[in-house]
Amino acid sequence: MSKESSNNKPPRVNNTLMFNSWTLCAFTGSLRLQGAYEGRVEVYHAGQWGTVCDDQWDDNDAEVVCRQLGGIAKAWVGAYYGAGSGRVLLDEVSCTGNELSIEQCPKTAWGEHNCDHTEDAGVSCIPLTGSLQRSVGDRV
């Protein structure tokens, strides 16, 4: 996570992709990407942002993330979009691809992991025409 974005609370907008111009993050509820349509996956839980470990991470998991953001999914592993910092909050995420949010997927307990940030999971979500709404500004 970038230093300036690690303490931001998630916006209170459901299923709307929002862009924060100073952190360049895609947000929806308790999920964000460190990039506009692709990047390291970060989740908000118990008052803090953290990364997702890439153990078991595949296109089914990416599909659920992109369902939350809107778009066609591709999973990336091995900190493809760069290593995060702070806590790793999720590990062994094993979505079927049918879940509506990453919180519904089977996974280890929040904060339990055997990973470091070289294993941060990422996704790319190719936007579907007309499915994403953009808001630009530094206010969330």
C-alpha atoms as a PDB file:
ATOM      1  CA  MET A   1       0.000   0.000   0.000  1.00  0.00           C
ATOM      2  CA  SER A   2       1.209   3.461  -0.685  1.00  0.00           C
ATOM      3  CA  LYS A   3       2.101   5.462   2.385  1.00  0.00           C
ATOM      4  CA  GLU A   4      -0.399   8.207   1.671  1.00  0.00           C
ATOM      5  CA  SER A   5      -3.283   5.793   1.110  1.00  0.00           C
ATOM      6  CA  SER A   6      -2.735   3.311   3.956  1.00  0.00           C
ATOM      7  CA  ASN A   7      -5.011   5.147   6.410  1.00  0.00           C
ATOM      8  CA  ASN A   8      -7.810   6.128   4.031  1.00  0.00           C
ATOM      9  CA  LYS A   9     -11.246   4.825   4.892  1.00  0.00           C
ATOM     10  CA  PRO A  10     -13.137   3.255   2.004  1.00  0.00           C
ATOM     11  CA  PRO A  11     -15.715   5.424   0.273  1.00  0.00           C
ATOM     12  CA  ARG A  12     -19.366   4.879   1.078  1.00  0.00           C
ATOM     13  CA  VAL A  13     -20.407   4.199  -2.512  1.00  0.00           C
ATOM     14  CA  ASN A  14     -21.548   0.709  -3.463  1.00  0.00           C
ATOM     15  CA  ASN A  15     -20.562  -0.826  -6.794  1.00  0.00           C
ATOM     16  CA  THR A  16     -19.174   2.409  -8.221  1.00  0.00           C
ATOM     17  CA  LEU A  17     -15.596   2.563  -9.410  1.00  0.00           C
ATOM     18  CA  MET A  18     -14.079   5.691  -7.942  1.00  0.00           C
ATOM     19  CA  PHE A  19     -10.696   7.180  -8.673  1.00  0.00           C
ATOM     20  CA  ASN A  20      -8.769   9.149  -6.128  1.00  0.00           C
ATOM     21  CA  SER A  21      -6.415  11.360  -8.116  1.00  0.00           C
ATOM     22  CA  TRP A  22      -3.627  11.414  -5.538  1.00  0.00           C
ATOM     23  CA  THR A  23      -3.475   7.673  -4.904  1.00  0.00           C
ATOM     24  CA  LEU A  24      -4.796   6.454  -8.284  1.00  0.00           C
ATOM     25  CA  CYS A  25      -6.812   3.652  -6.765  1.00  0.00           C
ATOM     26  CA  ALA A  26      -9.956   1.938  -7.931  1.00  0.00           C
ATOM     27  CA  PHE A  27     -12.361   1.611  -4.996  1.00  0.00           C
ATOM     28  CA  THR A  28     -15.550  -0.244  -4.280  1.00  0.00           C
ATOM     29  CA  GLY A  29     -16.720  -0.738  -0.716  1.00  0.00           C
ATOM     30  CA  SER A  30     -13.968  -2.575   1.150  1.00  0.00           C
ATOM     31  CA  LEU A  31     -11.856  -3.432  -1.906  1.00  0.00           C
ATOM     32  CA  ARG A  32      -9.392  -1.432  -3.975  1.00  0.00           C
ATOM     33  CA  LEU A  33      -6.775  -1.858  -6.664  1.00  0.00           C
ATOM     34  CA  GLN A  34      -3.527   0.080  -6.603  1.00  0.00           C
ATOM     35  CA  GLY A  35      -4.144   1.265 -10.154  1.00  0.00           C
ATOM     36  CA  ALA A  36      -7.044   2.331 -12.316  1.00  0.00           C
ATOM     37  CA  TYR A  37      -8.224  -0.960 -13.852  1.00  0.00           C
ATOM     38  CA  GLU A  38      -5.431  -3.239 -12.721  1.00  0.00           C
ATOM     39  CA  GLY A  39      -3.130  -3.545  -9.763  1.00  0.00           C
ATOM     40  CA  ARG A  40      -2.415  -5.066  -6.406  1.00  0.00           C
ATOM     41  CA  VAL A  41      -5.599  -6.121  -4.580  1.00  0.00           C
ATOM     42  CA  GLU A  42      -6.155  -4.537  -1.173  1.00  0.00           C
ATOM     43  CA  VAL A  43      -9.005  -5.098   1.269  1.00  0.00           C
ATOM     44  CA  TYR A  44     -10.305  -3.017   4.172  1.00  0.00           C
ATOM     45  CA  HIS A  45     -11.000  -4.878   7.405  1.00  0.00           C
ATOM     46  CA  ALA A  46     -11.128  -3.893  11.078  1.00  0.00           C
ATOM     47  CA  GLY A  47     -10.145  -0.302  10.344  1.00  0.00           C
ATOM     48  CA  GLN A  48      -7.136  -0.958   8.138  1.00  0.00           C
ATOM     49  CA  TRP A  49      -6.145  -1.676   4.548  1.00  0.00           C
ATOM     50  CA  GLY A  50      -4.097  -4.783   3.778  1.00  0.00           C
ATOM     51  CA  THR A  51      -3.015  -6.953   0.887  1.00  0.00           C
ATOM     52  CA  VAL A  52      -4.158 -10.378  -0.313  1.00  0.00           C
ATOM     53  CA  CYS A  53      -1.671 -13.243  -0.555  1.00  0.00           C
ATOM     54  CA  ASP A  54      -1.469 -15.047  -3.891  1.00  0.00           C
ATOM     55  CA  ASP A  55      -1.633 -18.592  -2.437  1.00  0.00           C
ATOM     56  CA  GLN A  56      -4.423 -20.346  -4.405  1.00  0.00           C
ATOM     57  CA  TRP A  57      -5.039 -17.063  -6.309  1.00  0.00           C
ATOM     58  CA  ASP A  58      -6.430 -17.653  -9.799  1.00  0.00           C
ATOM     59  CA  ASP A  59      -8.816 -16.286 -12.408  1.00  0.00           C
ATOM     60  CA  ASN A  60     -11.861 -17.345 -10.326  1.00  0.00           C
ATOM     61  CA  ASP A  61     -10.694 -15.032  -7.529  1.00  0.00           C
ATOM     62  CA  ALA A  62      -9.967 -12.262 -10.020  1.00  0.00           C
ATOM     63  CA  GLU A  63     -13.437 -12.725 -11.508  1.00  0.00           C
ATOM     64  CA  VAL A  64     -15.027 -12.019  -8.125  1.00  0.00           C
ATOM     65  CA  VAL A  65     -12.848  -8.931  -7.596  1.00  0.00           C
ATOM     66  CA  CYS A  66     -13.708  -7.636 -11.052  1.00  0.00           C
ATOM     67  CA  ARG A  67     -17.391  -8.384 -10.490  1.00  0.00           C
ATOM     68  CA  GLN A  68     -17.185  -5.939  -7.592  1.00  0.00           C
ATOM     69  CA  LEU A  69     -15.398  -3.375  -9.782  1.00  0.00           C
ATOM     70  CA  GLY A  70     -17.000  -4.172 -13.142  1.00  0.00           C
ATOM     71  CA  GLY A  71     -14.986  -5.786 -15.895  1.00  0.00           C
ATOM     72  CA  ILE A  72     -13.415  -8.912 -17.356  1.00  0.00           C
ATOM     73  CA  ALA A  73     -10.825 -10.523 -15.081  1.00  0.00           C
ATOM     74  CA  LYS A  74      -7.256 -11.777 -15.196  1.00  0.00           C
ATOM     75  CA  ALA A  75      -5.358 -12.898 -12.064  1.00  0.00           C
ATOM     76  CA  TRP A  76      -1.713 -11.975 -11.400  1.00  0.00           C
ATOM     77  CA  VAL A  77       0.601 -13.428  -8.738  1.00  0.00           C
ATOM     78  CA  GLY A  78       4.093 -12.860  -7.359  1.00  0.00           C
ATOM     79  CA  ALA A  79       3.575  -9.170  -6.574  1.00  0.00           C
ATOM     80  CA  TYR A  80       3.253  -8.552 -10.322  1.00  0.00           C
ATOM     81  CA  TYR A  81       2.061  -4.991  -9.605  1.00  0.00           C
ATOM     82  CA  GLY A  82       4.617  -4.403  -6.879  1.00  0.00           C
ATOM     83  CA  ALA A  83       4.906  -5.412  -3.265  1.00  0.00           C
ATOM     84  CA  GLY A  84       2.612  -3.780  -0.761  1.00  0.00           C
ATOM     85  CA  SER A  85       3.402  -2.810   2.805  1.00  0.00           C
ATOM     86  CA  GLY A  86       1.563  -3.160   6.055  1.00  0.00           C
ATOM     87  CA  ARG A  87      -0.466  -6.243   6.910  1.00  0.00           C
ATOM     88  CA  VAL A  88      -1.384  -9.167   4.707  1.00  0.00           C
ATOM     89  CA  LEU A  89      -5.070  -9.582   5.553  1.00  0.00           C
ATOM     90  CA  LEU A  90      -6.204 -12.493   3.368  1.00  0.00           C
ATOM     91  CA  ASP A  91      -4.609 -15.783   2.350  1.00  0.00           C
ATOM     92  CA  GLU A  92      -5.710 -18.981   0.641  1.00  0.00           C
ATOM     93  CA  VAL A  93      -8.583 -17.177  -1.115  1.00  0.00           C
ATOM     94  CA  SER A  94     -10.352 -19.825  -3.155  1.00  0.00           C
ATOM     95  CA  CYS A  95     -13.365 -18.376  -4.953  1.00  0.00           C
ATOM     96  CA  THR A  96     -15.504 -20.462  -7.291  1.00  0.00           C
ATOM     97  CA  GLY A  97     -16.122 -17.377  -9.422  1.00  0.00           C
ATOM     98  CA  ASN A  98     -19.815 -17.184  -8.517  1.00  0.00           C
ATOM     99  CA  GLU A  99     -19.467 -15.097  -5.349  1.00  0.00           C
ATOM    100  CA  LEU A 100     -20.599 -11.470  -5.338  1.00  0.00           C
ATOM    101  CA  SER A 101     -17.665 -10.248  -3.225  1.00  0.00           C
ATOM    102  CA  ILE A 102     -14.281 -11.501  -2.088  1.00  0.00           C
ATOM    103  CA  GLU A 103     -15.583 -11.609   1.481  1.00  0.00           C
ATOM    104  CA  GLN A 104     -17.887 -14.496   0.445  1.00  0.00           C
ATOM    105  CA  CYS A 105     -15.022 -16.657  -0.855  1.00  0.00           C
ATOM    106  CA  PRO A 106     -13.465 -19.461   1.206  1.00  0.00           C
ATOM    107  CA  LYS A 107     -10.239 -18.199   2.819  1.00  0.00           C
ATOM    108  CA  THR A 108      -8.214 -18.318   6.007  1.00  0.00           C
ATOM    109  CA  ALA A 109      -9.283 -16.154   8.939  1.00  0.00           C
ATOM    110  CA  TRP A 110      -8.648 -12.425   8.528  1.00  0.00           C
ATOM    111  CA  GLY A 111      -4.992 -11.658   9.271  1.00  0.00           C
ATOM    112  CA  GLU A 112      -3.837 -15.315   9.286  1.00  0.00           C
ATOM    113  CA  HIS A 113      -1.292 -16.004   6.551  1.00  0.00           C
ATOM    114  CA  ASN A 114       2.075 -17.527   5.695  1.00  0.00           C
ATOM    115  CA  CYS A 115       3.040 -14.888   3.126  1.00  0.00           C
ATOM    116  CA  ASP A 116       5.150 -11.821   2.650  1.00  0.00           C
ATOM    117  CA  HIS A 117       4.596  -9.006   0.191  1.00  0.00           C
ATOM    118  CA  THR A 118       6.464 -10.800  -2.606  1.00  0.00           C
ATOM    119  CA  GLU A 119       3.265 -12.850  -2.837  1.00  0.00           C
ATOM    120  CA  ASP A 120       0.756 -10.003  -3.126  1.00  0.00           C
ATOM    121  CA  ALA A 121      -2.141 -10.861  -5.436  1.00  0.00           C
ATOM    122  CA  GLY A 122      -3.184  -8.634  -8.318  1.00  0.00           C
ATOM    123  CA  VAL A 123      -5.886  -8.416 -10.957  1.00  0.00           C
ATOM    124  CA  SER A 124      -6.575  -6.650 -14.187  1.00  0.00           C
ATOM    125  CA  CYS A 125     -10.205  -5.793 -14.890  1.00  0.00           C
ATOM    126  CA  ILE A 126     -10.846  -4.904 -18.499  1.00  0.00           C
ATOM    127  CA  PRO A 127     -13.753  -2.440 -18.258  1.00  0.00           C
ATOM    128  CA  LEU A 128     -17.045  -3.342 -19.860  1.00  0.00           C
ATOM    129  CA  THR A 129     -18.378  -0.476 -21.955  1.00  0.00           C
ATOM    130  CA  GLY A 130     -20.781   1.598 -19.907  1.00  0.00           C
ATOM    131  CA  SER A 131     -20.349  -0.530 -16.767  1.00  0.00           C
ATOM    132  CA  LEU A 132     -17.972   1.734 -14.860  1.00  0.00           C
ATOM    133  CA  GLN A 133     -18.633   5.175 -13.484  1.00  0.00           C
ATOM    134  CA  ARG A 134     -15.661   7.440 -12.906  1.00  0.00           C
ATOM    135  CA  SER A 135     -15.362  10.083 -10.260  1.00  0.00           C
ATOM    136  CA  VAL A 136     -12.165  12.085 -10.218  1.00  0.00           C
ATOM    137  CA  GLY A 137     -10.938  14.060  -7.242  1.00  0.00           C
ATOM    138  CA  ASP A 138      -8.937  13.742  -4.085  1.00  0.00           C
ATOM    139  CA  ARG A 139     -11.959  13.395  -1.828  1.00  0.00           C
ATOM    140  CA  VAL A 140     -13.361   9.998  -0.901  1.00  0.00           C
END
